[in-house]
Amino acid sequence: MNALIDAAFSHTRTVALAFVMIIVMGAVAYLSIPKESEPDIPIPTIYVSMTYEGISPEDSERLLIRPMEKE
């Protein structure tokens, strides 16, 4: 392991060039990947509407919504 570190310090230009080439190749690869700004991903949603005449919102939550959420 020490030999690898010593070689890196003695060949600084080669190591710097390899580092720059890796960064440039990564940037080119990232830019060449096809991307969509708004991909079509299905998001499951459920809309449930419950009405009951003559009760307050608090009572409807307590008597209708909470029992339905537990099911």
C-alpha atoms as a PDB file:
ATOM      1  CA  MET A   1       0.000   0.000   0.000  1.00  0.00           C
ATOM      2  CA  ASN A   2       2.862   2.367   0.781  1.00  0.00           C
ATOM      3  CA  ALA A   3       4.347   1.733  -2.666  1.00  0.00           C
ATOM      4  CA  LEU A   4       1.096   2.846  -4.282  1.00  0.00           C
ATOM      5  CA  ILE A   5       1.044   6.045  -2.238  1.00  0.00           C
ATOM      6  CA  ASP A   6       4.713   6.717  -2.988  1.00  0.00           C
ATOM      7  CA  ALA A   7       4.084   6.180  -6.713  1.00  0.00           C
ATOM      8  CA  ALA A   8       1.132   8.591  -6.621  1.00  0.00           C
ATOM      9  CA  PHE A   9       3.241  11.287  -4.975  1.00  0.00           C
ATOM     10  CA  SER A  10       6.154  10.795  -7.356  1.00  0.00           C
ATOM     11  CA  HIS A  11       3.920  10.928 -10.473  1.00  0.00           C
ATOM     12  CA  THR A  12       1.664  13.847  -9.579  1.00  0.00           C
ATOM     13  CA  ARG A  13       1.016  14.913 -13.180  1.00  0.00           C
ATOM     14  CA  THR A  14      -0.116  11.423 -14.176  1.00  0.00           C
ATOM     15  CA  VAL A  15      -2.418  11.143 -11.160  1.00  0.00           C
ATOM     16  CA  ALA A  16      -3.875  14.614 -11.807  1.00  0.00           C
ATOM     17  CA  LEU A  17      -4.453  13.787 -15.497  1.00  0.00           C
ATOM     18  CA  ALA A  18      -6.153  10.500 -14.584  1.00  0.00           C
ATOM     19  CA  PHE A  19      -8.361  12.328 -12.075  1.00  0.00           C
ATOM     20  CA  VAL A  20      -9.371  14.964 -14.633  1.00  0.00           C
ATOM     21  CA  MET A  21     -10.078  12.284 -17.249  1.00  0.00           C
ATOM     22  CA  ILE A  22     -12.308  10.371 -14.827  1.00  0.00           C
ATOM     23  CA  ILE A  23     -14.244  13.561 -14.008  1.00  0.00           C
ATOM     24  CA  VAL A  24     -14.668  14.450 -17.702  1.00  0.00           C
ATOM     25  CA  MET A  25     -15.760  10.922 -18.630  1.00  0.00           C
ATOM     26  CA  GLY A  26     -18.283  10.949 -15.779  1.00  0.00           C
ATOM     27  CA  ALA A  27     -19.690  14.293 -16.940  1.00  0.00           C
ATOM     28  CA  VAL A  28     -20.000  13.033 -20.529  1.00  0.00           C
ATOM     29  CA  ALA A  29     -21.728   9.859 -19.330  1.00  0.00           C
ATOM     30  CA  TYR A  30     -24.131  11.864 -17.160  1.00  0.00           C
ATOM     31  CA  LEU A  31     -25.027  14.213 -20.008  1.00  0.00           C
ATOM     32  CA  SER A  32     -25.571  11.349 -22.470  1.00  0.00           C
ATOM     33  CA  ILE A  33     -28.115   9.553 -20.227  1.00  0.00           C
ATOM     34  CA  PRO A  34     -31.645  10.176 -21.568  1.00  0.00           C
ATOM     35  CA  LYS A  35     -33.813  12.073 -19.088  1.00  0.00           C
ATOM     36  CA  GLU A  36     -37.457  13.165 -18.957  1.00  0.00           C
ATOM     37  CA  SER A  37     -38.483  16.342 -17.206  1.00  0.00           C
ATOM     38  CA  GLU A  38     -41.850  14.867 -16.167  1.00  0.00           C
ATOM     39  CA  PRO A  39     -41.810  11.063 -16.364  1.00  0.00           C
ATOM     40  CA  ASP A  40     -45.126   9.189 -16.394  1.00  0.00           C
ATOM     41  CA  ILE A  41     -45.139   7.552 -12.984  1.00  0.00           C
ATOM     42  CA  PRO A  42     -48.505   6.227 -11.824  1.00  0.00           C
ATOM     43  CA  ILE A  43     -49.298   7.469  -8.334  1.00  0.00           C
ATOM     44  CA  PRO A  44     -52.090   5.507  -6.675  1.00  0.00           C
ATOM     45  CA  THR A  45     -54.741   7.793  -5.199  1.00  0.00           C
ATOM     46  CA  ILE A  46     -58.143   7.194  -3.687  1.00  0.00           C
ATOM     47  CA  TYR A  47     -60.810   9.843  -3.260  1.00  0.00           C
ATOM     48  CA  VAL A  48     -63.598   9.079  -0.806  1.00  0.00           C
ATOM     49  CA  SER A  49     -66.460  11.481  -0.137  1.00  0.00           C
ATOM     50  CA  MET A  50     -68.878  10.987   2.760  1.00  0.00           C
ATOM     51  CA  THR A  51     -71.853  13.188   3.560  1.00  0.00           C
ATOM     52  CA  TYR A  52     -74.289  13.054   6.430  1.00  0.00           C
ATOM     53  CA  GLU A  53     -76.841  15.811   6.888  1.00  0.00           C
ATOM     54  CA  GLY A  54     -77.225  17.576  10.223  1.00  0.00           C
ATOM     55  CA  ILE A  55     -74.015  16.702  12.096  1.00  0.00           C
ATOM     56  CA  SER A  56     -71.039  18.891  12.905  1.00  0.00           C
ATOM     57  CA  PRO A  57     -67.626  18.393  11.265  1.00  0.00           C
ATOM     58  CA  GLU A  58     -66.196  17.122  14.558  1.00  0.00           C
ATOM     59  CA  ASP A  59     -68.968  14.528  14.894  1.00  0.00           C
ATOM     60  CA  SER A  60     -68.561  13.420  11.289  1.00  0.00           C
ATOM     61  CA  GLU A  61     -64.848  12.929  11.865  1.00  0.00           C
ATOM     62  CA  ARG A  62     -65.439  10.976  15.062  1.00  0.00           C
ATOM     63  CA  LEU A  63     -68.396   8.886  13.842  1.00  0.00           C
ATOM     64  CA  LEU A  64     -67.646   8.413  10.131  1.00  0.00           C
ATOM     65  CA  ILE A  65     -64.051   9.131   9.169  1.00  0.00           C
ATOM     66  CA  ARG A  66     -62.071   7.527  11.998  1.00  0.00           C
ATOM     67  CA  PRO A  67     -63.923   4.176  11.851  1.00  0.00           C
ATOM     68  CA  MET A  68     -63.492   4.113   8.066  1.00  0.00           C
ATOM     69  CA  GLU A  69     -59.736   4.830   8.375  1.00  0.00           C
ATOM     70  CA  LYS A  70     -59.328   1.902  10.769  1.00  0.00           C
ATOM     71  CA  GLU A  71     -60.785  -0.573   8.253  1.00  0.00           C
END
